[in-house]
C-alpha atoms as a PDB file:
ATOM      1  CA  MET A   1     152.128  63.814  80.374  1.00  0.00           C
ATOM      2  CA  LYS A   2     148.372  64.469  79.268  1.00  0.00           C
ATOM      3  CA  GLN A   3     147.348  60.776  79.145  1.00  0.00           C
ATOM      4  CA  THR A   4     144.081  59.359  80.584  1.00  0.00           C
ATOM      5  CA  LEU A   5     146.128  56.720  82.365  1.00  0.00           C
ATOM      6  CA  PRO A   6     146.713  57.916  85.989  1.00  0.00           C
ATOM      7  CA  GLY A   7     150.127  59.670  86.266  1.00  0.00           C
ATOM      8  CA  ARG A   8     151.194  57.375  89.066  1.00  0.00           C
ATOM      9  CA  ASN A   9     150.945  54.377  86.693  1.00  0.00           C
ATOM     10  CA  TYR A  10     153.541  55.543  84.178  1.00  0.00           C
ATOM     11  CA  GLU A  11     156.833  57.337  83.673  1.00  0.00           C
ATOM     12  CA  VAL A  12     158.319  59.078  80.699  1.00  0.00           C
ATOM     13  CA  LEU A  13     161.777  58.322  79.531  1.00  0.00           C
ATOM     14  CA  VAL A  14     163.668  60.640  77.132  1.00  0.00           C
ATOM     15  CA  ILE A  15     166.624  59.045  75.459  1.00  0.00           C
ATOM     16  CA  ASP A  16     169.065  61.678  74.217  1.00  0.00           C
ATOM     17  CA  ASN A  17     170.764  59.656  71.544  1.00  0.00           C
ATOM     18  CA  ALA A  18     174.077  61.656  71.083  1.00  0.00           C
ATOM     19  CA  SER A  19     172.281  64.613  70.062  1.00  0.00           C
ATOM     20  CA  THR A  20     173.871  68.008  69.238  1.00  0.00           C
ATOM     21  CA  ASP A  21     170.804  70.221  69.073  1.00  0.00           C
ATOM     22  CA  GLY A  22     170.170  70.980  72.788  1.00  0.00           C
ATOM     23  CA  THR A  23     167.838  68.021  73.461  1.00  0.00           C
ATOM     24  CA  GLY A  24     169.663  67.213  76.785  1.00  0.00           C
ATOM     25  CA  CYS A  25     169.172  70.776  78.054  1.00  0.00           C
ATOM     26  CA  LEU A  26     165.517  70.710  77.090  1.00  0.00           C
ATOM     27  CA  GLY A  27     165.097  67.487  78.961  1.00  0.00           C
ATOM     28  CA  VAL A  28     166.729  69.059  82.093  1.00  0.00           C
ATOM     29  CA  ASP A  29     164.210  71.960  81.802  1.00  0.00           C
ATOM     30  CA  LEU A  30     161.216  69.496  81.547  1.00  0.00           C
ATOM     31  CA  GLN A  31     162.442  67.590  84.542  1.00  0.00           C
ATOM     32  CA  VAL A  32     162.096  70.877  86.597  1.00  0.00           C
ATOM     33  CA  ILE A  33     158.399  71.015  85.514  1.00  0.00           C
ATOM     34  CA  TYR A  34     157.393  67.422  85.811  1.00  0.00           C
ATOM     35  CA  GLY A  35     159.809  66.010  88.533  1.00  0.00           C
ATOM     36  CA  LYS A  36     160.429  62.463  88.946  1.00  0.00           C
ATOM     37  CA  ARG A  37     157.856  61.471  86.412  1.00  0.00           C
ATOM     38  CA  LEU A  38     160.191  62.398  83.586  1.00  0.00           C
ATOM     39  CA  LYS A  39     163.736  60.950  83.358  1.00  0.00           C
ATOM     40  CA  VAL A  40     166.347  61.879  80.748  1.00  0.00           C
ATOM     41  CA  TYR A  41     169.179  59.534  79.763  1.00  0.00           C
ATOM     42  CA  ARG A  42     172.035  60.220  77.335  1.00  0.00           C
ATOM     43  CA  GLU A  43     173.026  57.378  75.104  1.00  0.00           C
ATOM     44  CA  GLN A  44     176.340  58.047  73.440  1.00  0.00           C
ATOM     45  CA  ARG A  45     176.188  55.154  70.913  1.00  0.00           C
ATOM     46  CA  LEU A  46     174.449  56.588  67.840  1.00  0.00           C
ATOM     47  CA  GLY A  47     171.582  54.430  66.585  1.00  0.00           C
ATOM     48  CA  LEU A  48     167.861  54.007  67.254  1.00  0.00           C
ATOM     49  CA  SER A  49     168.323  50.425  68.497  1.00  0.00           C
ATOM     50  CA  TYR A  50     170.881  51.570  71.024  1.00  0.00           C
ATOM     51  CA  ALA A  51     168.375  54.207  72.226  1.00  0.00           C
ATOM     52  CA  ARG A  52     165.634  51.690  72.398  1.00  0.00           C
ATOM     53  CA  ASN A  53     167.827  49.164  74.353  1.00  0.00           C
ATOM     54  CA  ARG A  54     168.886  51.816  76.745  1.00  0.00           C
ATOM     55  CA  ALA A  55     165.155  52.590  77.448  1.00  0.00           C
ATOM     56  CA  LEU A  56     164.432  48.864  78.043  1.00  0.00           C
ATOM     57  CA  GLY A  57     167.332  48.880  80.466  1.00  0.00           C
ATOM     58  CA  GLU A  58     166.319  52.016  82.309  1.00  0.00           C
ATOM     59  CA  ALA A  59     162.446  51.414  82.459  1.00  0.00           C
ATOM     60  CA  SER A  60     160.975  50.346  85.767  1.00  0.00           C
ATOM     61  CA  ALA A  61     157.696  49.263  84.381  1.00  0.00           C
ATOM     62  CA  SER A  62     156.655  45.844  82.894  1.00  0.00           C
ATOM     63  CA  ILE A  63     155.470  47.424  79.683  1.00  0.00           C
ATOM     64  CA  VAL A  64     157.527  49.793  77.504  1.00  0.00           C
ATOM     65  CA  ALA A  65     155.810  51.829  74.934  1.00  0.00           C
ATOM     66  CA  PHE A  66     157.922  53.715  72.230  1.00  0.00           C
ATOM     67  CA  ILE A  67     157.003  56.821  70.455  1.00  0.00           C
ATOM     68  CA  ASP A  68     159.058  58.854  68.002  1.00  0.00           C
ATOM     69  CA  ALA A  69     160.110  62.454  68.793  1.00  0.00           C
ATOM     70  CA  ASP A  70     158.005  63.805  65.923  1.00  0.00           C
ATOM     71  CA  ALA A  71     154.722  62.037  67.019  1.00  0.00           C
ATOM     72  CA  VAL A  72     151.940  62.938  69.085  1.00  0.00           C
ATOM     73  CA  ALA A  73     149.877  60.439  71.050  1.00  0.00           C
ATOM     74  CA  ASP A  74     146.061  60.562  71.620  1.00  0.00           C
ATOM     75  CA  PRO A  75     145.224  61.026  75.463  1.00  0.00           C
ATOM     76  CA  GLY A  76     143.978  57.516  75.628  1.00  0.00           C
ATOM     77  CA  TRP A  77     147.113  55.935  74.075  1.00  0.00           C
ATOM     78  CA  LEU A  78     148.649  54.302  77.113  1.00  0.00           C
ATOM     79  CA  GLU A  79     145.341  53.278  78.539  1.00  0.00           C
ATOM     80  CA  ALA A  80     144.526  51.464  75.187  1.00  0.00           C
ATOM     81  CA  ILE A  81     147.927  49.753  75.181  1.00  0.00           C
ATOM     82  CA  VAL A  82     147.532  48.498  78.812  1.00  0.00           C
ATOM     83  CA  GLU A  83     144.035  47.149  78.005  1.00  0.00           C
ATOM     84  CA  ALA A  84     145.288  45.314  74.975  1.00  0.00           C
ATOM     85  CA  PHE A  85     148.123  43.599  76.972  1.00  0.00           C
ATOM     86  CA  GLU A  86     145.630  42.709  79.695  1.00  0.00           C
ATOM     87  CA  HIS A  87     143.107  41.293  77.247  1.00  0.00           C
ATOM     88  CA  CYS A  88     145.697  38.912  75.778  1.00  0.00           C
ATOM     89  CA  ASN A  89     148.192  37.530  78.152  1.00  0.00           C
ATOM     90  CA  ARG A  90     150.260  36.043  75.394  1.00  0.00           C
ATOM     91  CA  ALA A  91     150.841  39.523  73.740  1.00  0.00           C
ATOM     92  CA  GLY A  92     154.551  40.336  73.537  1.00  0.00           C
ATOM     93  CA  VAL A  93     154.071  43.359  71.322  1.00  0.00           C
ATOM     94  CA  VAL A  94     151.093  45.711  70.977  1.00  0.00           C
ATOM     95  CA  GLY A  95     150.932  48.443  68.276  1.00  0.00           C
ATOM     96  CA  GLY A  96     148.332  50.861  67.156  1.00  0.00           C
ATOM     97  CA  PRO A  97     147.409  52.992  64.112  1.00  0.00           C
ATOM     98  CA  VAL A  98     149.511  55.863  62.914  1.00  0.00           C
ATOM     99  CA  ARG A  99     147.901  58.837  61.160  1.00  0.00           C
ATOM    100  CA  ILE A 100     149.686  61.696  59.381  1.00  0.00           C
ATOM    101  CA  GLN A 101     149.416  65.112  60.974  1.00  0.00           C
ATOM    102  CA  TRP A 102     149.927  67.727  58.346  1.00  0.00           C
ATOM    103  CA  ASP A 103     151.595  70.618  59.906  1.00  0.00           C
ATOM    104  CA  GLN A 104     152.118  72.381  56.647  1.00  0.00           C
ATOM    105  CA  LEU A 105     150.350  72.320  53.272  1.00  0.00           C
ATOM    106  CA  ARG A 106     150.269  68.927  51.581  1.00  0.00           C
ATOM    107  CA  PRO A 107     152.450  69.090  48.363  1.00  0.00           C
ATOM    108  CA  ARG A 108     150.249  69.093  45.076  1.00  0.00           C
ATOM    109  CA  TRP A 109     152.280  66.009  43.798  1.00  0.00           C
ATOM    110  CA  TRP A 110     151.411  63.957  46.949  1.00  0.00           C
ATOM    111  CA  ASP A 111     149.547  60.763  46.381  1.00  0.00           C
ATOM    112  CA  ASP A 112     147.677  58.825  49.212  1.00  0.00           C
ATOM    113  CA  ARG A 113     149.829  55.833  48.197  1.00  0.00           C
ATOM    114  CA  LEU A 114     152.798  57.673  49.498  1.00  0.00           C
ATOM    115  CA  ASP A 115     151.435  57.927  53.007  1.00  0.00           C
ATOM    116  CA  GLU A 116     153.344  54.881  54.125  1.00  0.00           C
ATOM    117  CA  ALA A 117     156.630  56.819  53.627  1.00  0.00           C
ATOM    118  CA  LEU A 118     155.498  59.082  56.491  1.00  0.00           C
ATOM    119  CA  ASN A 119     154.754  55.952  58.720  1.00  0.00           C
ATOM    120  CA  ALA A 120     150.960  55.806  58.103  1.00  0.00           C
ATOM    121  CA  TYR A 121     149.810  52.508  59.485  1.00  0.00           C
ATOM    122  CA  GLN A 122     146.254  51.061  59.768  1.00  0.00           C
ATOM    123  CA  PRO A 123     146.087  47.292  59.137  1.00  0.00           C
ATOM    124  CA  GLY A 124     142.424  47.178  60.165  1.00  0.00           C
ATOM    125  CA  ASP A 125     139.685  48.561  62.189  1.00  0.00           C
ATOM    126  CA  GLU A 126     139.437  45.761  64.798  1.00  0.00           C
ATOM    127  CA  PRO A 127     141.857  44.250  67.280  1.00  0.00           C
ATOM    128  CA  MET A 128     143.756  41.468  65.609  1.00  0.00           C
ATOM    129  CA  SER A 129     146.912  39.279  65.787  1.00  0.00           C
ATOM    130  CA  LEU A 130     149.522  40.230  63.280  1.00  0.00           C
ATOM    131  CA  GLY A 131     152.053  38.198  61.211  1.00  0.00           C
ATOM    132  CA  TYR A 132     155.113  39.020  59.173  1.00  0.00           C
ATOM    133  CA  PRO A 133     155.339  41.460  57.353  1.00  0.00           C
ATOM    134  CA  ARG A 134     152.439  43.470  58.803  1.00  0.00           C
ATOM    135  CA  TYR A 135     154.034  44.155  62.186  1.00  0.00           C
ATOM    136  CA  PRO A 136     153.513  47.501  63.973  1.00  0.00           C
ATOM    137  CA  TYR A 137     155.708  50.532  63.276  1.00  0.00           C
ATOM    138  CA  GLY A 138     158.240  51.688  65.728  1.00  0.00           C
ATOM    139  CA  THR A 139     156.461  55.079  66.218  1.00  0.00           C
ATOM    140  CA  ASN A 140     153.645  53.254  67.961  1.00  0.00           C
ATOM    141  CA  PHE A 141     155.170  50.108  69.414  1.00  0.00           C
ATOM    142  CA  ALA A 142     154.814  48.760  72.979  1.00  0.00           C
ATOM    143  CA  LEU A 143     156.312  45.449  74.174  1.00  0.00           C
ATOM    144  CA  ARG A 144     156.722  43.511  77.496  1.00  0.00           C
ATOM    145  CA  ALA A 145     160.100  44.435  78.984  1.00  0.00           C
ATOM    146  CA  ASP A 146     160.656  40.821  80.254  1.00  0.00           C
ATOM    147  CA  SER A 147     159.946  39.226  76.910  1.00  0.00           C
ATOM    148  CA  ALA A 148     162.190  41.759  75.065  1.00  0.00           C
ATOM    149  CA  GLU A 149     164.956  41.052  77.683  1.00  0.00           C
ATOM    150  CA  ALA A 150     164.528  37.222  77.079  1.00  0.00           C
ATOM    151  CA  VAL A 151     165.132  37.459  73.356  1.00  0.00           C
ATOM    152  CA  GLY A 152     168.056  39.953  73.603  1.00  0.00           C
ATOM    153  CA  GLY A 153     166.551  43.349  72.819  1.00  0.00           C
ATOM    154  CA  PHE A 154     166.752  45.202  69.439  1.00  0.00           C
ATOM    155  CA  ARG A 155     169.607  44.313  67.084  1.00  0.00           C
ATOM    156  CA  ALA A 156     172.110  47.287  66.961  1.00  0.00           C
ATOM    157  CA  GLY A 157     172.915  46.332  63.375  1.00  0.00           C
ATOM    158  CA  LEU A 158     169.368  47.526  62.253  1.00  0.00           C
ATOM    159  CA  GLY A 159     167.505  50.778  62.827  1.00  0.00           C
ATOM    160  CA  ARG A 160     168.121  54.357  61.925  1.00  0.00           C
ATOM    161  CA  ARG A 161     171.566  55.747  62.737  1.00  0.00           C
ATOM    162  CA  GLY A 162     172.131  59.268  61.862  1.00  0.00           C
ATOM    163  CA  GLN A 163     171.235  59.941  58.167  1.00  0.00           C
ATOM    164  CA  ASP A 164     171.414  56.069  57.494  1.00  0.00           C
ATOM    165  CA  LEU A 165     167.704  55.081  56.742  1.00  0.00           C
ATOM    166  CA  THR A 166     168.237  51.296  57.588  1.00  0.00           C
ATOM    167  CA  ALA A 167     165.159  49.948  59.322  1.00  0.00           C
ATOM    168  CA  GLY A 168     163.617  46.607  60.187  1.00  0.00           C
ATOM    169  CA  GLU A 169     164.493  46.490  63.882  1.00  0.00           C
ATOM    170  CA  GLU A 170     160.893  46.207  64.940  1.00  0.00           C
ATOM    171  CA  SER A 171     160.051  43.484  62.471  1.00  0.00           C
ATOM    172  CA  GLU A 172     163.260  41.590  63.482  1.00  0.00           C
ATOM    173  CA  ILE A 173     162.420  41.549  67.173  1.00  0.00           C
ATOM    174  CA  CYS A 174     158.775  40.674  66.422  1.00  0.00           C
ATOM    175  CA  LEU A 175     159.929  37.728  64.496  1.00  0.00           C
ATOM    176  CA  ARG A 176     162.007  36.429  67.426  1.00  0.00           C
ATOM    177  CA  LEU A 177     159.108  36.990  69.864  1.00  0.00           C
ATOM    178  CA  GLN A 178     156.773  35.036  67.748  1.00  0.00           C
ATOM    179  CA  ARG A 179     159.175  32.172  67.529  1.00  0.00           C
ATOM    180  CA  ALA A 180     159.399  32.323  71.381  1.00  0.00           C
ATOM    181  CA  GLY A 181     155.687  31.870  71.606  1.00  0.00           C
ATOM    182  CA  TRP A 182     154.380  35.582  71.952  1.00  0.00           C
ATOM    183  CA  GLU A 183     151.791  37.136  69.961  1.00  0.00           C
ATOM    184  CA  ILE A 184     152.151  40.388  68.069  1.00  0.00           C
ATOM    185  CA  ARG A 185     148.813  42.401  68.540  1.00  0.00           C
ATOM    186  CA  PHE A 186     147.207  45.412  66.956  1.00  0.00           C
ATOM    187  CA  THR A 187     144.676  47.662  68.818  1.00  0.00           C
ATOM    188  CA  PRO A 188     142.926  50.366  66.844  1.00  0.00           C
ATOM    189  CA  HIS A 189     142.287  52.397  70.032  1.00  0.00           C
ATOM    190  CA  ALA A 190     145.979  53.320  70.731  1.00  0.00           C
ATOM    191  CA  MET A 191     146.261  56.147  68.060  1.00  0.00           C
ATOM    192  CA  VAL A 192     149.366  58.124  67.314  1.00  0.00           C
ATOM    193  CA  HIS A 193     149.730  61.142  64.981  1.00  0.00           C
ATOM    194  CA  HIS A 194     152.988  61.379  62.992  1.00  0.00           C
ATOM    195  CA  ARG A 195     153.958  64.943  62.267  1.00  0.00           C
ATOM    196  CA  THR A 196     155.124  65.897  58.712  1.00  0.00           C
ATOM    197  CA  ALA A 197     158.713  67.189  59.052  1.00  0.00           C
ATOM    198  CA  PRO A 198     159.504  69.456  56.021  1.00  0.00           C
ATOM    199  CA  ASP A 199     162.772  67.641  55.195  1.00  0.00           C
ATOM    200  CA  ARG A 200     160.656  64.384  54.388  1.00  0.00           C
ATOM    201  CA  LEU A 201     158.193  66.045  52.022  1.00  0.00           C
ATOM    202  CA  HIS A 202     160.673  65.671  49.138  1.00  0.00           C
ATOM    203  CA  ARG A 203     160.756  63.138  46.347  1.00  0.00           C
ATOM    204  CA  ARG A 204     164.352  62.230  46.972  1.00  0.00           C
ATOM    205  CA  TYR A 205     163.601  61.342  50.690  1.00  0.00           C
ATOM    206  CA  ILE A 206     160.684  59.082  49.679  1.00  0.00           C
ATOM    207  CA  LEU A 207     162.878  57.258  47.078  1.00  0.00           C
ATOM    208  CA  ARG A 208     165.744  56.848  49.485  1.00  0.00           C
ATOM    209  CA  ARG A 209     163.548  55.539  52.096  1.00  0.00           C
ATOM    210  CA  ALA A 210     161.926  52.988  49.742  1.00  0.00           C
ATOM    211  CA  LEU A 211     165.347  51.847  48.589  1.00  0.00           C
ATOM    212  CA  ASN A 212     166.712  51.391  52.166  1.00  0.00           C
ATOM    213  CA  HIS A 213     163.556  49.688  53.436  1.00  0.00           C
ATOM    214  CA  GLY A 214     163.862  47.101  50.654  1.00  0.00           C
ATOM    215  CA  ARG A 215     167.509  46.458  51.703  1.00  0.00           C
ATOM    216  CA  SER A 216     166.355  46.313  55.286  1.00  0.00           C
ATOM    217  CA  GLN A 217     163.600  43.785  54.518  1.00  0.00           C
ATOM    218  CA  PHE A 218     166.227  41.316  53.003  1.00  0.00           C
ATOM    219  CA  LEU A 219     168.479  41.687  56.030  1.00  0.00           C
ATOM    220  CA  VAL A 220     165.733  40.934  58.463  1.00  0.00           C
ATOM    221  CA  GLU A 221     164.669  37.876  56.441  1.00  0.00           C
ATOM    222  CA  CYS A 222     168.287  36.846  55.934  1.00  0.00           C
ATOM    223  CA  MET A 223     168.823  36.873  59.693  1.00  0.00           C
ATOM    224  CA  HIS A 224     165.991  34.379  60.122  1.00  0.00           C
ATOM    225  CA  GLY A 225     166.888  32.095  57.253  1.00  0.00           C
ATOM    226  CA  PHE A 226     163.929  32.680  54.827  1.00  0.00           C
ATOM    227  CA  GLU A 227     162.689  34.688  51.997  1.00  0.00           C
ATOM    228  CA  SER A 228     159.023  35.846  51.808  1.00  0.00           C
ATOM    229  CA  GLY A 229     158.959  35.449  48.041  1.00  0.00           C
ATOM    230  CA  ARG A 230     156.974  38.733  47.632  1.00  0.00           C
ATOM    231  CA  TYR A 231     159.668  40.462  45.886  1.00  0.00           C
ATOM    232  CA  LEU A 232     160.640  40.735  42.246  1.00  0.00           C
ATOM    233  CA  SER A 233     163.719  39.309  40.408  1.00  0.00           C
ATOM    234  CA  TRP A 234     165.873  41.643  38.292  1.00  0.00           C
ATOM    235  CA  ALA A 235     164.197  40.427  35.149  1.00  0.00           C
ATOM    236  CA  ARG A 236     160.755  41.199  36.545  1.00  0.00           C
ATOM    237  CA  ILE A 237     161.887  44.608  37.927  1.00  0.00           C
ATOM    238  CA  LEU A 238     163.189  45.522  34.414  1.00  0.00           C
ATOM    239  CA  GLY A 239     159.898  44.168  32.854  1.00  0.00           C
ATOM    240  CA  ARG A 240     157.803  46.357  35.189  1.00  0.00           C
ATOM    241  CA  ILE A 241     159.857  49.425  34.432  1.00  0.00           C
ATOM    242  CA  THR A 242     159.698  48.781  30.559  1.00  0.00           C
ATOM    243  CA  THR A 243     155.910  48.140  30.715  1.00  0.00           C
ATOM    244  CA  ASN A 244     155.205  51.302  32.683  1.00  0.00           C
ATOM    245  CA  LEU A 245     157.455  53.460  30.441  1.00  0.00           C
ATOM    246  CA  LEU A 246     155.549  52.294  27.445  1.00  0.00           C
ATOM    247  CA  ARG A 247     152.173  52.989  29.040  1.00  0.00           C
ATOM    248  CA  LEU A 248     153.444  56.353  30.445  1.00  0.00           C
ATOM    249  CA  ARG A 249     152.679  55.302  34.021  1.00  0.00           C
ATOM    250  CA  CYS A 250     155.941  56.290  35.827  1.00  0.00           C
ATOM    251  CA  ASP A 251     154.565  58.356  38.849  1.00  0.00           C
ATOM    252  CA  LEU A 252     156.323  58.582  42.153  1.00  0.00           C
ATOM    253  CA  SER A 253     154.186  55.856  43.675  1.00  0.00           C
ATOM    254  CA  PHE A 254     155.452  53.467  40.996  1.00  0.00           C
ATOM    255  CA  ALA A 255     158.984  54.568  41.590  1.00  0.00           C
ATOM    256  CA  LYS A 256     158.650  53.878  45.341  1.00  0.00           C
ATOM    257  CA  PHE A 257     157.308  50.504  44.532  1.00  0.00           C
ATOM    258  CA  ILE A 258     160.112  49.589  42.219  1.00  0.00           C
ATOM    259  CA  LEU A 259     162.885  50.941  44.420  1.00  0.00           C
ATOM    260  CA  PHE A 260     161.763  49.008  47.294  1.00  0.00           C
ATOM    261  CA  ARG A 261     162.088  45.969  45.311  1.00  0.00           C
ATOM    262  CA  VAL A 262     165.446  47.196  43.762  1.00  0.00           C
ATOM    263  CA  GLY A 263     166.783  47.600  47.394  1.00  0.00           C
ATOM    264  CA  TYR A 264     165.656  44.157  48.350  1.00  0.00           C
ATOM    265  CA  GLN A 265     167.286  42.432  45.222  1.00  0.00           C
ATOM    266  CA  TYR A 266     170.346  44.585  45.499  1.00  0.00           C
ATOM    267  CA  GLN A 267     170.960  43.414  49.114  1.00  0.00           C
ATOM    268  CA  ARG A 268     170.165  39.806  48.158  1.00  0.00           C
ATOM    269  CA  THR A 269     172.451  39.760  45.148  1.00  0.00           C
ATOM    270  CA  LEU A 270     175.282  41.288  47.200  1.00  0.00           C
ATOM    271  CA  ALA A 271     174.917  38.819  50.046  1.00  0.00           C
ATOM    272  CA  ARG A 272     175.018  35.984  47.376  1.00  0.00           C
ATOM    273  CA  LEU A 273     178.050  37.282  45.638  1.00  0.00           C
ATOM    274  CA  ARG A 274     179.838  37.709  48.960  1.00  0.00           C
ATOM    275  CA  GLY A 275     178.948  34.179  49.845  1.00  0.00           C
ATOM    276  CA  ILE A 276     180.273  32.905  46.497  1.00  0.00           C
ATOM    277  CA  ARG A 277     183.551  34.874  46.624  1.00  0.00           C
ATOM    278  CA  SER A 278     184.368  33.811  50.244  1.00  0.00           C
ATOM    279  CA  GLY A 279     183.224  30.126  49.710  1.00  0.00           C
ATOM    280  CA  THR A 280     180.696  30.436  52.553  1.00  0.00           C
ATOM    281  CA  LEU A 281     177.626  29.749  50.506  1.00  0.00           C
ATOM    282  CA  ALA A 282     175.443  27.403  52.755  1.00  0.00           C
ATOM    283  CA  GLN A 283     172.676  25.004  52.130  1.00  0.00           C
ATOM    284  CA  PRO A 284     169.192  26.150  52.822  1.00  0.00           C
ATOM    285  CA  SER A 285     168.103  25.793  56.463  1.00  0.00           C
ATOM    286  CA  PRO A 286     164.866  23.945  57.177  1.00  0.00           C
ATOM    287  CA  GLY A 287     161.912  25.925  55.968  1.00  0.00           C
ATOM    288  CA  ASN A 288     163.785  27.719  53.363  1.00  0.00           C
ATOM    289  CA  ASP A 289     163.010  27.568  49.642  1.00  0.00           C
ATOM    290  CA  ALA A 290     165.349  24.770  48.462  1.00  0.00           C
ATOM    291  CA  LYS A 291     165.154  26.005  44.891  1.00  0.00           C
ATOM    292  CA  ARG A 292     167.286  28.908  45.819  1.00  0.00           C
ATOM    293  CA  GLY A 293     170.071  26.651  47.157  1.00  0.00           C
ATOM    294  CA  TRP A 294     171.755  29.240  49.378  1.00  0.00           C
ATOM    295  CA  ARG A 295     171.325  31.081  52.644  1.00  0.00           C
ATOM    296  CA  CYS A 296     172.777  34.493  53.713  1.00  0.00           C
ATOM    297  CA  GLN A 297     175.269  34.433  56.475  1.00  0.00           C
ATOM    298  CA  ALA A 298     174.795  38.001  57.604  1.00  0.00           C
ATOM    299  CA  ALA A 299     173.183  37.173  60.895  1.00  0.00           C
ATOM    300  CA  ALA A 300     176.511  36.078  62.518  1.00  0.00           C
ATOM    301  CA  SER A 301     178.122  39.474  61.497  1.00  0.00           C
ATOM    302  CA  VAL A 302     175.284  41.713  62.905  1.00  0.00           C
ATOM    303  CA  GLU A 303     176.336  43.574  66.029  1.00  0.00           C
ATOM    304  CA  GLU A 304     174.362  42.423  69.026  1.00  0.00           C
ATOM    305  CA  PRO A 305     172.825  45.002  71.454  1.00  0.00           C
ATOM    306  CA  ALA A 306     174.833  45.775  74.396  1.00  0.00           C
ATOM    307  CA  ARG A 307     172.598  45.419  77.598  1.00  0.00           C
END
């Protein structure tokens, strides 16, 4: 509500995603203060993608900008997003940098390389076009409503759901938009600050997140019939672990690195085994690595978003 963009040019939508903590009541109280500029909707289907698709369906503007409940936008956030879309008429998505806002003392064991686990994001200092896998994070993510509608919105089978840390819904919709001819843009002027929730400043959370992000990365690539080739085989994973154990270099950053790759290879192996057991192992699609000789069939079983 404190943006430099004139208030008549934007509205704020709060999506209460089946909460049990009084979010709905708080939204009603805020509506009394801000009037029609703030609207609250309750989405009973639990899941971040359901919430985002609900926002796309309810929004009246041509641009929809998403921000997480634990993030704070700079005053010029929306204005910078609008300028980025106006500058590039082929931009389907615009994202900006995310900086960590330390609301409590940073743990002594914290390493700058762990910042990504709290959604820190800064691919560069200049406006640029982005490609996979460097897409913007969902905590600072804006897209054209009509382009999102045209490709079917966010896939409900991806994205956080309660305590499930499955991710990848932003990357997946970016891939569909790029294939439809849209650009994915980054602007350094649309800044968001991500607050440090105490329950995320634990080693266990960081490792769980890394494992699930590896799994999510495979699922996204699987849906689009390719593998990026940036991830390690089981043999190379074991080799890295052994080498680092011998060199006494097993810090949390290395564990995060390895668990991401373990998650990716676990999901890849599981998909391949299921394909072999069910007899549905397919030939590579055009553009796939023919040496692998298989293609995951998960895309057909992923639940599509209800619109």
